[in-house]
């Protein structure tokens, strides 16, 4: 029995882990990822992964600094994080307006 030291973070790694598990258990694998691995090796899995990307987020707690009685920098960082996730790239917004 084997265990991972860290969670799968990329689509190529997910494909590799599925193939690895099948080989270690002696199962036959007939999938697009297996065909790419047979044809192009590990580089084929990295360049053209089949699995959907897996995004991992880590949340860390933080205490309010004692020198900021009215401002809370934690809220500013939280807002910046949401802005990063929700922001629409400028070129995408322009392209959508042009299509209309």
Protein backbone atom coordinates (compact mmCIF):
# COMPACT_ATOMS: atom_id res chain seq x y z
CA UNK A 1 0.00 0.00 0.00
CA UNK A 2 1.34 3.42 -0.93
CA UNK A 3 0.27 6.85 0.20
CA UNK A 4 0.82 10.29 -1.24
CA UNK A 5 2.82 12.83 0.75
CA UNK A 6 0.91 15.74 -0.79
CA UNK A 7 -2.37 16.09 -2.68
CA UNK A 8 -2.52 15.95 -6.46
CA UNK A 9 -2.19 19.48 -7.76
CA UNK A 10 -2.02 19.18 -11.56
CA UNK A 11 -3.99 17.38 -14.25
CA UNK A 12 -0.87 15.60 -15.53
CA UNK A 13 -0.14 14.30 -12.05
CA UNK A 14 -3.73 13.01 -11.74
CA UNK A 15 -3.34 11.11 -15.04
CA UNK A 16 -0.01 9.69 -13.91
CA UNK A 17 -1.43 8.56 -10.56
CA UNK A 18 -4.31 6.75 -12.27
CA UNK A 19 -1.87 4.93 -14.57
CA UNK A 20 0.49 4.17 -11.69
CA UNK A 21 -2.29 2.70 -9.57
CA UNK A 22 -3.45 0.49 -12.44
CA UNK A 23 0.05 -0.81 -13.14
CA UNK A 24 0.72 -1.57 -9.46
CA UNK A 25 -2.57 -3.45 -9.15
CA UNK A 26 -2.02 -5.36 -12.41
CA UNK A 27 -5.04 -3.88 -14.20
CA UNK A 28 -5.13 -3.20 -17.91
CA UNK A 29 -5.74 0.44 -18.76
CA UNK A 30 -7.35 1.52 -22.03
CA UNK A 31 -7.66 5.27 -21.90
CA UNK A 32 -6.49 8.35 -23.74
CA UNK A 33 -3.96 9.06 -20.99
CA UNK A 34 -2.56 5.52 -21.31
CA UNK A 35 -2.27 5.87 -25.08
CA UNK A 36 -0.47 9.20 -24.76
CA UNK A 37 1.87 7.76 -22.15
CA UNK A 38 2.63 4.76 -24.39
CA UNK A 39 3.25 7.00 -27.41
CA UNK A 40 5.02 10.00 -25.88
CA UNK A 41 6.05 8.95 -22.38
CA UNK A 42 5.81 11.21 -19.36
CA UNK A 43 6.27 14.28 -21.56
CA UNK A 44 3.03 13.36 -23.35
CA UNK A 45 1.12 13.38 -20.07
CA UNK A 46 2.61 16.68 -19.00
CA UNK A 47 2.05 18.45 -22.33
CA UNK A 48 -1.43 17.03 -23.01
CA UNK A 49 -3.13 16.02 -19.75
CA UNK A 50 -6.55 14.38 -20.01
CA UNK A 51 -7.79 15.05 -16.48
CA UNK A 52 -9.32 18.34 -15.49
CA UNK A 53 -6.98 20.61 -13.53
CA UNK A 54 -7.28 20.32 -9.79
CA UNK A 55 -6.98 23.50 -7.80
CA UNK A 56 -6.02 23.33 -4.16
CA UNK A 57 -6.48 26.23 -1.79
CA UNK A 58 -5.06 26.55 1.68
CA UNK A 59 -6.61 28.79 4.27
CA UNK A 60 -4.51 30.10 7.11
CA UNK A 61 -5.86 31.89 10.13
CA UNK A 62 -4.38 35.14 11.32
CA UNK A 63 -4.84 37.19 14.45
CA UNK A 64 -5.63 40.87 14.31
CA UNK A 65 -2.44 42.89 14.85
CA UNK A 66 -2.67 44.84 18.13
CA UNK A 67 -1.45 48.10 16.56
CA UNK A 68 -4.50 48.45 14.24
CA UNK A 69 -7.52 49.10 16.44
CA UNK A 70 -9.74 50.42 13.59
CA UNK A 71 -8.34 48.88 10.41
CA UNK A 72 -8.19 45.15 9.87
CA UNK A 73 -5.55 44.17 7.30
CA UNK A 74 -7.00 40.65 7.21
CA UNK A 75 -10.11 41.99 5.47
CA UNK A 76 -7.97 43.80 2.89
CA UNK A 77 -6.11 40.59 2.07
CA UNK A 78 -9.38 38.63 1.89
CA UNK A 79 -10.86 41.23 -0.49
CA UNK A 80 -7.72 41.13 -2.65
CA UNK A 81 -8.00 37.33 -2.85
CA UNK A 82 -11.62 37.48 -3.97
CA UNK A 83 -10.75 40.17 -6.50
CA UNK A 84 -8.04 37.94 -7.96
CA UNK A 85 -10.47 35.03 -8.31
CA UNK A 86 -13.39 37.03 -9.70
CA UNK A 87 -11.53 39.47 -11.93
CA UNK A 88 -12.27 39.13 -15.65
CA UNK A 89 -9.18 39.68 -17.78
CA UNK A 90 -9.39 42.93 -19.74
CA UNK A 91 -8.81 41.28 -23.11
CA UNK A 92 -11.63 38.80 -22.43
CA UNK A 93 -14.08 41.59 -21.56
CA UNK A 94 -13.14 43.52 -24.70
CA UNK A 95 -13.53 40.38 -26.85
CA UNK A 96 -17.01 39.75 -25.43
CA UNK A 97 -18.10 43.34 -26.20
CA UNK A 98 -16.81 43.09 -29.76
CA UNK A 99 -18.83 39.88 -30.37
CA UNK A 100 -22.08 41.61 -29.36
